[in-house]
């Protein structure tokens, strides 16, 4: 991991097509701007984690929705 110190208005170039700019620093928060081509996906880690958890919940809910009626109907065999 590369760790850099930047001031407001300074930029970081990543490759030839991505630029990260420090827009504002206020109350312990840093506001950054990212310029990148449209085909580059930029996502916040907490949103990605939340989406993963939500996808997992949705998947499990769908499985339960399919299995509960079968359980109620006594379709499952006991071993």
C-alpha atoms as a PDB file:
ATOM      1  CA  UNK A   1       0.000   0.000   0.000  1.00  0.00           C
ATOM      2  CA  UNK A   2       1.294   3.431  -0.897  1.00  0.00           C
ATOM      3  CA  UNK A   3       0.519   6.071   1.738  1.00  0.00           C
ATOM      4  CA  UNK A   4       0.741   9.731   0.707  1.00  0.00           C
ATOM      5  CA  UNK A   5       0.160  13.058   2.389  1.00  0.00           C
ATOM      6  CA  UNK A   6      -1.656  15.595   0.249  1.00  0.00           C
ATOM      7  CA  UNK A   7      -2.953  19.128   0.798  1.00  0.00           C
ATOM      8  CA  UNK A   8      -6.189  20.619  -0.517  1.00  0.00           C
ATOM      9  CA  UNK A   9      -5.901  21.119  -4.260  1.00  0.00           C
ATOM     10  CA  UNK A  10      -3.160  18.529  -4.720  1.00  0.00           C
ATOM     11  CA  UNK A  11      -3.717  15.545  -6.966  1.00  0.00           C
ATOM     12  CA  UNK A  12      -2.576  11.969  -7.367  1.00  0.00           C
ATOM     13  CA  UNK A  13      -2.338  10.383 -10.814  1.00  0.00           C
ATOM     14  CA  UNK A  14      -3.025   6.629 -11.081  1.00  0.00           C
ATOM     15  CA  UNK A  15      -1.914   5.305 -14.431  1.00  0.00           C
ATOM     16  CA  UNK A  16      -2.760   7.484 -17.422  1.00  0.00           C
ATOM     17  CA  UNK A  17      -6.512   7.776 -16.893  1.00  0.00           C
ATOM     18  CA  UNK A  18      -7.307   8.159 -13.182  1.00  0.00           C
ATOM     19  CA  UNK A  19      -6.782  11.297 -11.100  1.00  0.00           C
ATOM     20  CA  UNK A  20      -7.610  11.657  -7.400  1.00  0.00           C
ATOM     21  CA  UNK A  21      -7.902  15.226  -6.077  1.00  0.00           C
ATOM     22  CA  UNK A  22      -8.145  16.460  -2.481  1.00  0.00           C
ATOM     23  CA  UNK A  23     -11.138  18.827  -2.537  1.00  0.00           C
ATOM     24  CA  UNK A  24     -11.604  19.722   1.131  1.00  0.00           C
ATOM     25  CA  UNK A  25     -10.442  18.766   4.603  1.00  0.00           C
ATOM     26  CA  UNK A  26     -12.850  19.742   7.386  1.00  0.00           C
ATOM     27  CA  UNK A  27     -13.641  18.367  10.863  1.00  0.00           C
ATOM     28  CA  UNK A  28     -11.437  15.329  10.396  1.00  0.00           C
ATOM     29  CA  UNK A  29     -13.040  14.386   7.069  1.00  0.00           C
ATOM     30  CA  UNK A  30     -11.410  14.456   3.668  1.00  0.00           C
ATOM     31  CA  UNK A  31     -13.456  15.098   0.530  1.00  0.00           C
ATOM     32  CA  UNK A  32     -11.853  13.707  -2.595  1.00  0.00           C
ATOM     33  CA  UNK A  33     -12.710  13.830  -6.275  1.00  0.00           C
ATOM     34  CA  UNK A  34     -11.959  10.991  -8.657  1.00  0.00           C
ATOM     35  CA  UNK A  35     -11.700  11.441 -12.409  1.00  0.00           C
ATOM     36  CA  UNK A  36     -11.764   8.172 -14.342  1.00  0.00           C
ATOM     37  CA  UNK A  37     -13.113   6.764 -17.611  1.00  0.00           C
ATOM     38  CA  UNK A  38     -16.755   5.657 -17.576  1.00  0.00           C
ATOM     39  CA  UNK A  39     -15.765   1.995 -17.796  1.00  0.00           C
ATOM     40  CA  UNK A  40     -13.804   2.153 -14.502  1.00  0.00           C
ATOM     41  CA  UNK A  41     -15.987   1.084 -11.598  1.00  0.00           C
ATOM     42  CA  UNK A  42     -15.438   3.225  -8.493  1.00  0.00           C
ATOM     43  CA  UNK A  43     -17.117   2.101  -5.286  1.00  0.00           C
ATOM     44  CA  UNK A  44     -16.892   2.816  -1.585  1.00  0.00           C
ATOM     45  CA  UNK A  45     -15.809  -0.129   0.537  1.00  0.00           C
ATOM     46  CA  UNK A  46     -18.686   0.191   3.001  1.00  0.00           C
ATOM     47  CA  UNK A  47     -21.199   0.202   0.144  1.00  0.00           C
ATOM     48  CA  UNK A  48     -19.553  -2.860  -1.417  1.00  0.00           C
ATOM     49  CA  UNK A  49     -19.651  -4.664   1.945  1.00  0.00           C
ATOM     50  CA  UNK A  50     -23.285  -3.666   2.476  1.00  0.00           C
ATOM     51  CA  UNK A  51     -24.181  -4.873  -1.016  1.00  0.00           C
ATOM     52  CA  UNK A  52     -22.450  -8.207  -0.379  1.00  0.00           C
ATOM     53  CA  UNK A  53     -24.347  -8.677   2.888  1.00  0.00           C
ATOM     54  CA  UNK A  54     -27.636  -7.694   1.214  1.00  0.00           C
ATOM     55  CA  UNK A  55     -27.003 -10.096  -1.682  1.00  0.00           C
ATOM     56  CA  UNK A  56     -26.303 -12.894   0.792  1.00  0.00           C
ATOM     57  CA  UNK A  57     -29.477 -12.079   2.743  1.00  0.00           C
ATOM     58  CA  UNK A  58     -31.521 -12.028  -0.472  1.00  0.00           C
ATOM     59  CA  UNK A  59     -30.063 -15.366  -1.563  1.00  0.00           C
ATOM     60  CA  UNK A  60     -30.838 -16.982   1.795  1.00  0.00           C
ATOM     61  CA  UNK A  61     -34.338 -15.469   1.823  1.00  0.00           C
ATOM     62  CA  UNK A  62     -35.034 -16.961  -1.605  1.00  0.00           C
ATOM     63  CA  UNK A  63     -33.848 -20.379  -0.441  1.00  0.00           C
ATOM     64  CA  UNK A  64     -36.058 -20.167   2.656  1.00  0.00           C
ATOM     65  CA  UNK A  65     -39.019 -19.029   0.568  1.00  0.00           C
ATOM     66  CA  UNK A  66     -38.621 -22.177  -1.533  1.00  0.00           C
ATOM     67  CA  UNK A  67     -37.974 -24.558   1.365  1.00  0.00           C
ATOM     68  CA  UNK A  68     -40.549 -23.425   3.959  1.00  0.00           C
ATOM     69  CA  UNK A  69     -43.593 -24.517   1.911  1.00  0.00           C
ATOM     70  CA  UNK A  70     -41.897 -27.895   1.358  1.00  0.00           C
ATOM     71  CA  UNK A  71     -41.231 -28.233   5.084  1.00  0.00           C
ATOM     72  CA  UNK A  72     -44.851 -27.416   5.864  1.00  0.00           C
ATOM     73  CA  UNK A  73     -45.968 -30.015   3.334  1.00  0.00           C
ATOM     74  CA  UNK A  74     -43.675 -32.618   4.925  1.00  0.00           C
ATOM     75  CA  UNK A  75     -41.719 -33.183   1.722  1.00  0.00           C
ATOM     76  CA  UNK A  76     -38.283 -33.443   3.356  1.00  0.00           C
ATOM     77  CA  UNK A  77     -37.119 -36.859   4.454  1.00  0.00           C
ATOM     78  CA  UNK A  78     -35.420 -37.471   7.788  1.00  0.00           C
ATOM     79  CA  UNK A  79     -32.164 -39.407   7.854  1.00  0.00           C
END
